């Protein structure tokens, strides 16, 4: 091989490695809102009031309510500059969002990732808003298993089968908007729908 050809081959390898790295960095399965709540360090309702560009994007936020996280208010979140590296783009004209994700070690800032659950507050259903205060937390010991193709099944009574994708062709379907997977007294888990606290109105675990 000539030196020039070796250099070209090296550049191609580096390019492919970088593409693979970026793809892997943003590889994530959609999460039910309850899963996002349970897996996050921080869950807040916040108004985005400004944007600065540093080594990545910094959004200044005014925290309205904390559903999970540190005692101190979150006043800014960081995100990567493009969706190719899992960054997110937020409207920063006072729009309110539900934001989930991971805190940095200082607990002052929050690093947001494309794979986290972030939705405009106004688009959330009444059940989703209500579930943030108690119901999602009640089901954090349950496992939500996403069904991507039929047939699909659960492997444990402590699982709820999430079928939005196969039934409605969206991960933001009825189960995501109106149901929470709650642990029952016998340690099994089942879907519950409604704005009141769970009583006996559970769905069968295999019939969402």
N, C-alpha and C. Protein backbone atom coordinates (compact mmCIF):
# COMPACT_ATOMS: atom_id res chain seq x y z
N UNK A 1 0.85 -1.20 0.00
CA UNK A 1 0.00 0.00 0.00
C UNK A 1 0.87 1.24 0.00
N UNK A 2 0.46 2.24 -0.78
CA UNK A 2 1.16 3.51 -0.72
C UNK A 2 0.74 4.24 0.53
N UNK A 3 1.56 5.23 0.93
CA UNK A 3 1.25 6.02 2.13
C UNK A 3 -0.09 6.73 1.97
N UNK A 4 -0.36 7.25 0.75
CA UNK A 4 -1.61 7.96 0.52
C UNK A 4 -2.80 7.03 0.71
N UNK A 5 -2.67 5.79 0.19
CA UNK A 5 -3.78 4.85 0.30
C UNK A 5 -3.99 4.44 1.75
N UNK A 6 -2.89 4.25 2.48
CA UNK A 6 -2.99 3.91 3.89
C UNK A 6 -3.73 5.00 4.64
N UNK A 7 -3.41 6.27 4.32
CA UNK A 7 -4.07 7.40 4.98
C UNK A 7 -5.56 7.42 4.68
N UNK A 8 -5.91 7.15 3.41
CA UNK A 8 -7.31 7.13 3.03
C UNK A 8 -8.05 6.03 3.78
N UNK A 9 -7.45 4.85 3.84
CA UNK A 9 -8.07 3.72 4.55
C UNK A 9 -8.25 4.07 6.02
N UNK A 10 -7.25 4.69 6.61
CA UNK A 10 -7.32 5.08 8.02
C UNK A 10 -8.45 6.07 8.26
N UNK A 11 -8.57 7.05 7.35
CA UNK A 11 -9.63 8.05 7.49
C UNK A 11 -11.01 7.41 7.38
N UNK A 12 -11.15 6.46 6.44
CA UNK A 12 -12.43 5.77 6.28
C UNK A 12 -12.77 5.00 7.54
N UNK A 13 -11.77 4.30 8.09
CA UNK A 13 -11.99 3.53 9.33
C UNK A 13 -12.39 4.45 10.46
N UNK A 14 -11.70 5.58 10.57
CA UNK A 14 -12.03 6.53 11.64
C UNK A 14 -13.42 7.10 11.45
N UNK A 15 -13.79 7.38 10.18
CA UNK A 15 -15.12 7.92 9.90
C UNK A 15 -16.20 6.91 10.27
N UNK A 16 -16.00 5.66 9.85
CA UNK A 16 -16.98 4.63 10.16
C UNK A 16 -17.08 4.40 11.66
N UNK A 17 -15.94 4.44 12.34
CA UNK A 17 -15.95 4.27 13.79
C UNK A 17 -16.71 5.40 14.46
N UNK A 18 -16.53 6.62 13.92
CA UNK A 18 -17.22 7.77 14.50
C UNK A 18 -18.73 7.68 14.26
N UNK A 19 -19.12 7.26 13.04
CA UNK A 19 -20.54 7.10 12.74
C UNK A 19 -21.15 6.05 13.66
N UNK A 20 -20.42 4.93 13.85
CA UNK A 20 -20.93 3.87 14.71
C UNK A 20 -21.04 4.36 16.15
N UNK A 21 -20.04 5.15 16.57
CA UNK A 21 -20.04 5.68 17.93
C UNK A 21 -21.25 6.58 18.16
N UNK A 22 -21.54 7.46 17.18
CA UNK A 22 -22.68 8.37 17.30
C UNK A 22 -23.98 7.59 17.31
N UNK A 23 -24.06 6.58 16.40
CA UNK A 23 -25.28 5.79 16.34
C UNK A 23 -25.53 5.08 17.66
N UNK A 24 -24.45 4.49 18.23
CA UNK A 24 -24.59 3.79 19.49
C UNK A 24 -24.93 4.77 20.61
N UNK A 25 -24.37 5.97 20.53
CA UNK A 25 -24.62 6.95 21.59
C UNK A 25 -26.09 7.30 21.67
N UNK A 26 -26.79 7.26 20.54
CA UNK A 26 -28.20 7.63 20.53
C UNK A 26 -29.12 6.43 20.43
N UNK A 27 -28.58 5.25 20.58
CA UNK A 27 -29.39 4.06 20.50
C UNK A 27 -30.14 3.85 21.81
N UNK A 28 -31.46 3.93 21.76
CA UNK A 28 -32.23 3.71 22.97
C UNK A 28 -33.64 3.29 22.60
N UNK A 29 -34.23 2.47 23.43
CA UNK A 29 -35.60 2.04 23.21
C UNK A 29 -36.56 3.06 23.82
N UNK A 30 -37.68 3.29 23.18
CA UNK A 30 -38.67 4.21 23.77
C UNK A 30 -39.10 3.72 25.15
N UNK A 31 -39.33 4.65 26.03
CA UNK A 31 -39.71 4.30 27.40
C UNK A 31 -41.12 4.80 27.70
N UNK A 32 -41.88 3.99 28.39
CA UNK A 32 -43.16 4.44 28.91
C UNK A 32 -42.89 5.56 29.90
N UNK A 33 -43.75 6.58 30.01
CA UNK A 33 -43.50 7.68 30.95
C UNK A 33 -43.20 7.22 32.37
N UNK A 34 -43.82 6.13 32.79
CA UNK A 34 -43.54 5.61 34.13
C UNK A 34 -42.10 5.12 34.24
N UNK A 35 -41.60 4.45 33.20
CA UNK A 35 -40.22 4.00 33.20
C UNK A 35 -39.27 5.19 33.26
N UNK A 36 -39.58 6.23 32.48
CA UNK A 36 -38.74 7.43 32.48
C UNK A 36 -38.72 8.04 33.88
N UNK A 37 -39.86 8.09 34.53
CA UNK A 37 -39.92 8.63 35.89
C UNK A 37 -39.07 7.80 36.83
N UNK A 38 -39.24 6.50 36.81
CA UNK A 38 -38.54 5.63 37.76
C UNK A 38 -37.03 5.61 37.54
N UNK A 39 -36.59 5.74 36.29
CA UNK A 39 -35.16 5.64 35.97
C UNK A 39 -34.42 6.97 36.06
N UNK A 40 -35.12 8.06 36.31
CA UNK A 40 -34.50 9.39 36.28
C UNK A 40 -34.10 9.86 37.67
N UNK A 41 -33.05 10.68 37.73
CA UNK A 41 -32.67 11.35 38.97
C UNK A 41 -33.56 12.56 39.21
N UNK A 42 -33.98 13.17 38.12
CA UNK A 42 -34.74 14.42 38.20
C UNK A 42 -35.98 14.33 37.32
N UNK A 43 -37.11 14.76 37.87
CA UNK A 43 -38.35 14.91 37.10
C UNK A 43 -38.95 16.24 37.53
N UNK A 44 -38.98 17.20 36.62
CA UNK A 44 -39.46 18.54 36.97
C UNK A 44 -40.37 19.10 35.89
N UNK A 45 -41.21 20.02 36.33
CA UNK A 45 -41.95 20.87 35.40
C UNK A 45 -41.23 22.20 35.41
N UNK A 46 -40.83 22.66 34.23
CA UNK A 46 -40.02 23.87 34.18
C UNK A 46 -40.34 24.70 32.95
N UNK A 47 -40.11 25.99 33.07
CA UNK A 47 -40.29 26.93 31.98
C UNK A 47 -38.91 27.28 31.42
N UNK A 48 -38.73 27.13 30.11
CA UNK A 48 -37.45 27.45 29.48
C UNK A 48 -37.43 28.94 29.14
N UNK A 49 -36.49 29.66 29.74
CA UNK A 49 -36.50 31.13 29.62
C UNK A 49 -35.29 31.69 28.88
N UNK A 50 -34.32 30.85 28.53
CA UNK A 50 -33.15 31.37 27.82
C UNK A 50 -32.28 30.25 27.28
N UNK A 51 -31.36 30.62 26.40
CA UNK A 51 -30.47 29.63 25.79
C UNK A 51 -29.10 30.26 25.58
N UNK A 52 -28.06 29.49 25.95
CA UNK A 52 -26.69 29.93 25.73
C UNK A 52 -25.91 28.79 25.07
N UNK A 53 -24.94 29.16 24.25
CA UNK A 53 -24.12 28.15 23.59
C UNK A 53 -22.73 28.18 24.19
N UNK A 54 -22.39 27.09 24.89
CA UNK A 54 -21.04 26.96 25.45
C UNK A 54 -20.41 25.78 24.71
N UNK A 55 -19.78 24.84 25.41
CA UNK A 55 -19.27 23.65 24.73
C UNK A 55 -20.43 22.78 24.25
N UNK A 56 -21.57 22.98 24.85
CA UNK A 56 -22.84 22.39 24.42
C UNK A 56 -23.91 23.44 24.68
N UNK A 57 -25.17 23.10 24.47
CA UNK A 57 -26.22 24.07 24.71
C UNK A 57 -26.61 24.09 26.18
N UNK A 58 -26.83 25.30 26.68
CA UNK A 58 -27.31 25.47 28.04
C UNK A 58 -28.64 26.21 27.96
N UNK A 59 -29.67 25.58 28.52
CA UNK A 59 -30.98 26.22 28.59
C UNK A 59 -31.22 26.69 30.02
N UNK A 60 -31.51 27.96 30.17
CA UNK A 60 -31.89 28.49 31.48
C UNK A 60 -33.36 28.17 31.72
N UNK A 61 -33.65 27.62 32.88
CA UNK A 61 -35.02 27.24 33.17
C UNK A 61 -35.47 27.79 34.51
N UNK A 62 -36.75 27.98 34.62
CA UNK A 62 -37.37 28.36 35.89
C UNK A 62 -38.20 27.17 36.34
N UNK A 63 -37.76 26.52 37.40
CA UNK A 63 -38.46 25.33 37.88
C UNK A 63 -39.80 25.73 38.49
N UNK A 64 -40.84 25.04 38.06
CA UNK A 64 -42.18 25.30 38.58
C UNK A 64 -42.53 24.30 39.67
N UNK A 65 -42.21 23.04 39.42
CA UNK A 65 -42.51 21.99 40.40
C UNK A 65 -41.53 20.84 40.22
N UNK A 66 -41.09 20.27 41.33
CA UNK A 66 -40.23 19.09 41.30
C UNK A 66 -41.03 17.87 41.73
N UNK A 67 -41.00 16.86 40.90
CA UNK A 67 -41.66 15.61 41.24
C UNK A 67 -40.67 14.59 41.77
N UNK A 68 -39.38 14.82 41.46
CA UNK A 68 -38.33 13.91 41.89
C UNK A 68 -37.00 14.63 41.70
N UNK A 69 -36.11 14.53 42.70
CA UNK A 69 -34.80 15.15 42.53
C UNK A 69 -34.32 15.87 43.77
N UNK A 70 -33.26 16.66 43.64
CA UNK A 70 -32.64 17.35 44.76
C UNK A 70 -33.54 18.44 45.33
N UNK A 71 -33.26 18.85 46.55
CA UNK A 71 -34.06 19.89 47.21
C UNK A 71 -33.89 21.24 46.51
N UNK A 72 -32.68 21.50 45.99
CA UNK A 72 -32.44 22.77 45.32
C UNK A 72 -33.15 22.81 43.97
N UNK A 73 -33.61 23.98 43.59
CA UNK A 73 -34.22 24.14 42.28
C UNK A 73 -33.18 23.95 41.18
N UNK A 74 -33.59 23.32 40.09
CA UNK A 74 -32.75 23.23 38.89
C UNK A 74 -32.92 24.53 38.13
N UNK A 75 -31.82 25.23 37.83
CA UNK A 75 -31.94 26.51 37.13
C UNK A 75 -31.38 26.48 35.71
N UNK A 76 -30.82 25.36 35.30
CA UNK A 76 -30.31 25.25 33.93
C UNK A 76 -30.17 23.78 33.57
N UNK A 77 -30.29 23.48 32.29
CA UNK A 77 -30.01 22.14 31.81
C UNK A 77 -29.05 22.22 30.63
N UNK A 78 -28.22 21.20 30.51
CA UNK A 78 -27.27 21.13 29.40
C UNK A 78 -27.69 20.01 28.45
N UNK A 79 -27.44 20.21 27.18
CA UNK A 79 -27.72 19.18 26.19
C UNK A 79 -26.70 19.29 25.06
N UNK A 80 -26.47 18.18 24.37
CA UNK A 80 -25.55 18.19 23.24
C UNK A 80 -26.10 19.08 22.12
N UNK A 81 -25.24 19.60 21.25
CA UNK A 81 -25.68 20.59 20.26
C UNK A 81 -26.55 20.06 19.13
N UNK A 82 -26.51 18.75 18.86
CA UNK A 82 -27.32 18.22 17.75
C UNK A 82 -27.95 16.89 18.17
N UNK A 83 -29.01 16.52 17.45
CA UNK A 83 -29.67 15.25 17.72
C UNK A 83 -28.77 14.07 17.34
N UNK A 84 -27.78 14.30 16.46
CA UNK A 84 -26.87 13.23 16.07
C UNK A 84 -26.07 12.71 17.25
N UNK A 85 -25.86 13.58 18.22
CA UNK A 85 -25.15 13.16 19.44
C UNK A 85 -26.10 13.26 20.63
N UNK A 86 -27.37 12.98 20.37
CA UNK A 86 -28.40 12.86 21.40
C UNK A 86 -28.81 14.17 22.04
N UNK A 87 -28.58 15.29 21.38
CA UNK A 87 -29.03 16.56 21.92
C UNK A 87 -30.50 16.81 21.62
N UNK A 88 -31.09 17.72 22.37
CA UNK A 88 -32.49 18.08 22.14
C UNK A 88 -32.60 19.57 21.91
N UNK A 89 -33.65 19.97 21.20
CA UNK A 89 -33.89 21.38 20.94
C UNK A 89 -35.18 21.78 21.64
N UNK A 90 -35.09 22.84 22.46
CA UNK A 90 -36.25 23.30 23.23
C UNK A 90 -36.62 24.71 22.81
N UNK A 91 -37.90 25.00 22.84
CA UNK A 91 -38.35 26.38 22.66
C UNK A 91 -38.01 27.14 23.94
N UNK A 92 -37.36 28.30 23.80
CA UNK A 92 -36.90 29.02 24.99
C UNK A 92 -37.58 30.38 25.13
N UNK A 93 -38.86 30.38 24.82
CA UNK A 93 -39.64 31.62 24.93
C UNK A 93 -40.67 31.52 26.06
N UNK A 94 -40.33 30.77 27.09
CA UNK A 94 -41.24 30.61 28.21
C UNK A 94 -42.11 29.37 28.14
N UNK A 95 -41.84 28.49 27.18
CA UNK A 95 -42.63 27.26 27.04
C UNK A 95 -42.34 26.33 28.21
N UNK A 96 -43.37 25.66 28.72
CA UNK A 96 -43.23 24.76 29.85
C UNK A 96 -43.09 23.32 29.38
N UNK A 97 -42.21 22.59 30.04
CA UNK A 97 -41.95 21.20 29.70
C UNK A 97 -41.96 20.33 30.95
N UNK A 98 -42.27 19.05 30.75
CA UNK A 98 -41.93 18.04 31.73
C UNK A 98 -40.57 17.50 31.32
N UNK A 99 -39.62 17.56 32.22
CA UNK A 99 -38.24 17.19 31.91
C UNK A 99 -37.79 16.08 32.85
N UNK A 100 -37.27 15.01 32.28
CA UNK A 100 -36.69 13.93 33.08
C UNK A 100 -35.23 13.76 32.67
N UNK A 101 -34.42 13.22 33.57
CA UNK A 101 -33.04 12.98 33.20
C UNK A 101 -32.12 12.79 34.38
N UNK A 102 -30.85 13.09 34.17
CA UNK A 102 -29.80 12.80 35.14
C UNK A 102 -29.14 14.08 35.62
N UNK A 103 -28.94 14.18 36.91
CA UNK A 103 -28.24 15.35 37.45
C UNK A 103 -26.73 15.17 37.32
N UNK A 104 -26.02 16.30 37.28
CA UNK A 104 -24.58 16.26 37.36
C UNK A 104 -24.19 16.14 38.83
N UNK A 105 -22.91 15.97 39.10
CA UNK A 105 -22.48 15.72 40.47
C UNK A 105 -22.76 16.89 41.40
N UNK A 106 -22.86 18.11 40.85
CA UNK A 106 -23.12 19.28 41.70
C UNK A 106 -24.59 19.41 42.08
N UNK A 107 -25.45 18.65 41.39
CA UNK A 107 -26.90 18.73 41.56
C UNK A 107 -27.45 20.11 41.20
N UNK A 108 -26.61 20.95 40.60
CA UNK A 108 -27.09 22.27 40.20
C UNK A 108 -27.64 22.24 38.79
N UNK A 109 -27.01 21.45 37.95
CA UNK A 109 -27.43 21.39 36.57
C UNK A 109 -27.90 20.00 36.21
N UNK A 110 -28.54 19.94 35.09
CA UNK A 110 -29.15 18.71 34.66
C UNK A 110 -28.74 18.45 33.21
N UNK A 111 -28.27 17.26 32.93
CA UNK A 111 -27.85 16.92 31.58
C UNK A 111 -28.99 16.23 30.85
N UNK A 112 -29.48 16.84 29.78
CA UNK A 112 -30.61 16.26 29.08
C UNK A 112 -30.16 15.51 27.84
N UNK A 113 -30.84 14.42 27.55
CA UNK A 113 -30.45 13.48 26.53
C UNK A 113 -31.67 13.15 25.68
N UNK A 114 -31.47 12.92 24.39
CA UNK A 114 -32.56 12.62 23.48
C UNK A 114 -33.36 11.41 23.94
N UNK A 115 -32.72 10.50 24.65
CA UNK A 115 -33.39 9.28 25.08
C UNK A 115 -34.23 9.48 26.34
N UNK A 116 -34.12 10.63 26.97
CA UNK A 116 -34.94 10.91 28.15
C UNK A 116 -36.35 11.31 27.70
N UNK A 117 -37.26 11.34 28.65
CA UNK A 117 -38.64 11.72 28.35
C UNK A 117 -38.79 13.22 28.55
N UNK A 118 -39.10 13.93 27.49
CA UNK A 118 -39.30 15.37 27.54
C UNK A 118 -40.49 15.71 26.68
N UNK A 119 -41.51 16.32 27.29
CA UNK A 119 -42.72 16.66 26.56
C UNK A 119 -43.21 18.04 26.98
N UNK A 120 -43.76 18.81 26.04
CA UNK A 120 -44.43 20.05 26.45
C UNK A 120 -45.51 19.74 27.47
N UNK A 121 -45.56 20.51 28.53
CA UNK A 121 -46.49 20.24 29.62
C UNK A 121 -47.94 20.19 29.12
N UNK A 122 -48.26 21.05 28.16
CA UNK A 122 -49.64 21.15 27.68
C UNK A 122 -50.09 19.91 26.93
N UNK A 123 -49.16 19.09 26.45
CA UNK A 123 -49.54 17.90 25.69
C UNK A 123 -49.75 16.67 26.57
N UNK A 124 -49.40 16.75 27.85
CA UNK A 124 -49.57 15.61 28.74
C UNK A 124 -51.03 15.41 29.05
N UNK A 125 -51.42 14.15 29.21
CA UNK A 125 -52.80 13.85 29.59
C UNK A 125 -53.01 14.12 31.07
N UNK A 126 -54.26 14.20 31.48
CA UNK A 126 -54.58 14.41 32.90
C UNK A 126 -54.04 13.27 33.75
N UNK A 127 -54.09 12.05 33.22
CA UNK A 127 -53.57 10.90 33.97
C UNK A 127 -52.06 10.98 34.13
N UNK A 128 -51.36 11.38 33.09
CA UNK A 128 -49.91 11.52 33.19
C UNK A 128 -49.53 12.55 34.24
N UNK A 129 -50.20 13.68 34.24
CA UNK A 129 -49.90 14.73 35.22
C UNK A 129 -50.18 14.25 36.64
N UNK A 130 -51.30 13.56 36.82
CA UNK A 130 -51.65 13.06 38.14
C UNK A 130 -50.68 11.98 38.60
N UNK A 131 -50.25 11.14 37.69
CA UNK A 131 -49.38 10.02 38.04
C UNK A 131 -48.00 10.46 38.50
N UNK A 132 -47.58 11.66 38.12
CA UNK A 132 -46.27 12.16 38.51
C UNK A 132 -46.16 12.36 40.02
N UNK A 133 -47.26 12.58 40.69
CA UNK A 133 -47.23 12.89 42.12
C UNK A 133 -47.19 11.64 42.99
N UNK A 134 -47.67 10.51 42.49
CA UNK A 134 -47.66 9.32 43.33
C UNK A 134 -47.71 8.01 42.56
N UNK A 135 -48.57 7.93 41.57
CA UNK A 135 -48.86 6.63 40.98
C UNK A 135 -47.66 5.99 40.29
N UNK A 136 -46.89 6.76 39.52
CA UNK A 136 -45.73 6.17 38.86
C UNK A 136 -44.76 5.58 39.88
N UNK A 137 -44.56 6.30 40.96
CA UNK A 137 -43.63 5.83 41.99
C UNK A 137 -44.11 4.52 42.60
N UNK A 138 -45.42 4.34 42.70
CA UNK A 138 -45.98 3.11 43.25
C UNK A 138 -45.65 1.90 42.39
N UNK A 139 -45.31 2.14 41.13
CA UNK A 139 -45.03 1.03 40.24
C UNK A 139 -43.58 0.87 39.86
N UNK A 140 -42.68 1.53 40.57
CA UNK A 140 -41.27 1.48 40.19
C UNK A 140 -40.65 0.09 40.37
N UNK A 141 -41.27 -0.75 41.17
CA UNK A 141 -40.77 -2.12 41.32
C UNK A 141 -41.31 -3.03 40.23
N UNK A 142 -42.23 -2.54 39.44
CA UNK A 142 -42.78 -3.32 38.33
C UNK A 142 -41.90 -3.14 37.09
N UNK A 143 -41.99 -4.07 36.18
CA UNK A 143 -41.27 -3.98 34.91
C UNK A 143 -42.27 -3.80 33.79
N UNK A 144 -42.05 -2.81 32.95
CA UNK A 144 -42.90 -2.60 31.79
C UNK A 144 -42.18 -3.15 30.56
N UNK A 145 -42.77 -4.15 29.94
CA UNK A 145 -42.17 -4.82 28.79
C UNK A 145 -42.85 -4.36 27.51
N UNK A 146 -42.07 -3.76 26.61
CA UNK A 146 -42.65 -3.23 25.37
C UNK A 146 -42.80 -4.34 24.33
N UNK A 147 -43.99 -4.45 23.80
CA UNK A 147 -44.27 -5.42 22.75
C UNK A 147 -44.02 -4.75 21.40
N UNK A 148 -43.12 -5.31 20.61
CA UNK A 148 -42.79 -4.73 19.31
C UNK A 148 -43.39 -5.51 18.15
N UNK A 149 -43.76 -6.76 18.38
CA UNK A 149 -44.40 -7.57 17.35
C UNK A 149 -45.15 -8.71 18.03
N UNK A 150 -46.20 -9.13 17.38
CA UNK A 150 -47.03 -10.21 17.91
C UNK A 150 -46.50 -11.55 17.39
N UNK A 151 -46.44 -12.59 18.24
CA UNK A 151 -46.88 -12.63 19.63
C UNK A 151 -45.83 -12.05 20.58
N UNK A 152 -46.29 -11.54 21.72
CA UNK A 152 -45.39 -11.09 22.75
C UNK A 152 -45.99 -11.47 24.10
N UNK A 153 -45.14 -11.61 25.08
CA UNK A 153 -45.63 -12.08 26.37
C UNK A 153 -44.73 -11.58 27.49
N UNK A 154 -45.20 -11.75 28.70
CA UNK A 154 -44.41 -11.40 29.87
C UNK A 154 -43.79 -12.67 30.44
N UNK A 155 -42.76 -12.48 31.25
CA UNK A 155 -42.09 -13.64 31.84
C UNK A 155 -42.28 -13.71 33.35
N UNK A 156 -42.99 -12.72 33.90
CA UNK A 156 -43.17 -12.66 35.34
C UNK A 156 -44.46 -11.94 35.67
N UNK A 157 -45.14 -12.32 36.76
CA UNK A 157 -46.34 -11.60 37.18
C UNK A 157 -46.07 -10.14 37.55
N UNK A 158 -44.80 -9.81 37.77
CA UNK A 158 -44.44 -8.44 38.15
C UNK A 158 -44.16 -7.57 36.93
N UNK A 159 -44.69 -7.94 35.77
CA UNK A 159 -44.51 -7.20 34.53
C UNK A 159 -45.85 -6.75 33.98
N UNK A 160 -45.82 -5.64 33.27
CA UNK A 160 -46.98 -5.17 32.49
C UNK A 160 -46.58 -5.13 31.03
N UNK A 161 -47.42 -5.63 30.17
CA UNK A 161 -47.13 -5.67 28.74
C UNK A 161 -47.59 -4.38 28.07
N UNK A 162 -46.65 -3.66 27.48
CA UNK A 162 -46.94 -2.37 26.84
C UNK A 162 -47.13 -2.59 25.35
N UNK A 163 -48.36 -2.44 24.86
CA UNK A 163 -48.70 -2.82 23.49
C UNK A 163 -49.04 -1.64 22.58
N UNK A 164 -48.75 -0.44 22.99
CA UNK A 164 -49.09 0.73 22.16
C UNK A 164 -48.55 0.61 20.74
N UNK A 165 -47.32 0.12 20.60
CA UNK A 165 -46.70 0.10 19.28
C UNK A 165 -47.39 -0.87 18.34
N UNK A 166 -47.73 -2.06 18.82
CA UNK A 166 -48.34 -3.04 17.92
C UNK A 166 -49.81 -2.73 17.66
N UNK A 167 -50.48 -2.06 18.58
CA UNK A 167 -51.90 -1.76 18.41
C UNK A 167 -52.13 -0.43 17.71
N UNK A 168 -51.38 0.61 18.13
CA UNK A 168 -51.63 1.95 17.61
C UNK A 168 -50.49 2.49 16.74
N UNK A 169 -49.42 1.71 16.61
CA UNK A 169 -48.26 2.11 15.81
C UNK A 169 -47.62 3.40 16.33
N UNK A 170 -47.68 3.61 17.62
CA UNK A 170 -47.04 4.75 18.26
C UNK A 170 -46.70 4.37 19.69
N UNK A 171 -45.62 4.96 20.22
CA UNK A 171 -45.27 4.71 21.62
C UNK A 171 -45.97 5.71 22.53
N UNK A 172 -46.71 6.64 21.93
CA UNK A 172 -47.44 7.63 22.71
C UNK A 172 -48.94 7.36 22.61
N UNK A 173 -49.29 6.08 22.78
CA UNK A 173 -50.67 5.67 22.65
C UNK A 173 -51.42 5.66 23.96
N UNK A 174 -52.48 4.89 24.01
CA UNK A 174 -53.37 4.88 25.16
C UNK A 174 -52.72 4.46 26.46
N UNK A 175 -51.88 3.44 26.41
CA UNK A 175 -51.23 3.00 27.66
C UNK A 175 -50.25 4.04 28.17
N UNK A 176 -49.54 4.69 27.27
CA UNK A 176 -48.60 5.73 27.70
C UNK A 176 -49.33 6.93 28.28
N UNK A 177 -50.47 7.28 27.69
CA UNK A 177 -51.18 8.49 28.10
C UNK A 177 -52.10 8.28 29.30
N UNK A 178 -52.67 7.08 29.42
CA UNK A 178 -53.76 6.91 30.38
C UNK A 178 -53.57 5.79 31.41
N UNK A 179 -52.44 5.09 31.37
CA UNK A 179 -52.27 3.96 32.28
C UNK A 179 -50.95 4.02 33.04
N UNK A 180 -50.97 3.42 34.22
CA UNK A 180 -49.75 3.22 35.01
C UNK A 180 -49.71 1.76 35.42
N UNK A 181 -48.53 1.19 35.51
CA UNK A 181 -48.34 -0.19 35.91
C UNK A 181 -48.10 -0.20 37.43
N UNK A 182 -49.05 -0.73 38.18
CA UNK A 182 -49.03 -0.63 39.63
C UNK A 182 -48.84 -2.00 40.27
N UNK A 183 -48.08 -2.02 41.36
CA UNK A 183 -47.88 -3.27 42.11
C UNK A 183 -49.07 -3.51 43.03
N UNK A 184 -49.59 -4.73 42.99
CA UNK A 184 -50.74 -5.09 43.81
C UNK A 184 -50.29 -5.77 45.10
N UNK A 185 -51.25 -6.06 45.95
CA UNK A 185 -50.94 -6.61 47.27
C UNK A 185 -50.29 -7.99 47.20
N UNK A 186 -50.54 -8.72 46.11
CA UNK A 186 -49.92 -10.05 45.97
C UNK A 186 -48.59 -9.99 45.23
N UNK A 187 -48.05 -8.77 45.08
CA UNK A 187 -46.76 -8.51 44.41
C UNK A 187 -46.80 -8.67 42.90
N UNK A 188 -47.95 -8.94 42.34
CA UNK A 188 -48.07 -8.91 40.88
C UNK A 188 -48.30 -7.47 40.45
N UNK A 189 -48.16 -7.22 39.16
CA UNK A 189 -48.35 -5.86 38.64
C UNK A 189 -49.41 -5.87 37.55
N UNK A 190 -50.15 -4.78 37.46
CA UNK A 190 -51.21 -4.68 36.45
C UNK A 190 -51.41 -3.23 36.06
N UNK A 191 -51.97 -3.02 34.87
CA UNK A 191 -52.26 -1.68 34.40
C UNK A 191 -53.45 -1.10 35.16
N UNK A 192 -53.32 0.17 35.53
CA UNK A 192 -54.42 0.87 36.19
C UNK A 192 -54.71 2.15 35.43
N UNK A 193 -56.00 2.42 35.23
CA UNK A 193 -56.39 3.63 34.54
C UNK A 193 -57.27 4.49 35.43
N UNK A 194 -57.06 5.79 35.40
CA UNK A 194 -57.93 6.69 36.13
C UNK A 194 -57.16 7.78 36.83
N UNK A 195 -57.89 8.78 37.33
CA UNK A 195 -57.26 9.91 38.00
C UNK A 195 -57.27 9.77 39.51
N UNK A 196 -58.03 8.81 40.02
CA UNK A 196 -58.06 8.57 41.46
C UNK A 196 -57.01 7.54 41.84
N UNK A 197 -56.75 7.39 43.13
CA UNK A 197 -55.78 6.40 43.57
C UNK A 197 -56.29 5.00 43.27
N UNK A 198 -55.40 4.05 42.96
CA UNK A 198 -55.83 2.71 42.58
C UNK A 198 -56.65 2.04 43.68
N UNK A 199 -57.74 1.37 43.26
CA UNK A 199 -58.54 0.57 44.18
C UNK A 199 -58.61 -0.84 43.60
N UNK A 200 -59.70 -1.12 42.85
CA UNK A 200 -59.82 -2.45 42.26
C UNK A 200 -59.90 -2.40 40.75
N UNK A 201 -59.75 -1.22 40.18
CA UNK A 201 -59.95 -1.07 38.73
C UNK A 201 -58.68 -1.36 37.96
N UNK A 202 -58.17 -2.58 38.11
CA UNK A 202 -56.97 -2.99 37.39
C UNK A 202 -57.37 -3.70 36.11
N UNK A 203 -56.58 -3.52 35.10
CA UNK A 203 -56.74 -4.32 33.89
C UNK A 203 -56.03 -5.64 34.08
N UNK A 204 -56.49 -6.64 33.35
CA UNK A 204 -55.75 -7.89 33.33
C UNK A 204 -54.37 -7.61 32.76
N UNK A 205 -53.34 -8.23 33.31
CA UNK A 205 -51.97 -7.91 32.93
C UNK A 205 -51.71 -8.22 31.46
N UNK A 206 -52.49 -9.10 30.86
CA UNK A 206 -52.27 -9.47 29.46
C UNK A 206 -53.33 -8.86 28.54
N UNK A 207 -54.16 -7.95 29.08
CA UNK A 207 -55.22 -7.37 28.27
C UNK A 207 -55.30 -5.88 28.47
N UNK A 208 -54.27 -5.14 28.01
CA UNK A 208 -54.25 -3.68 28.18
C UNK A 208 -55.23 -2.99 27.25
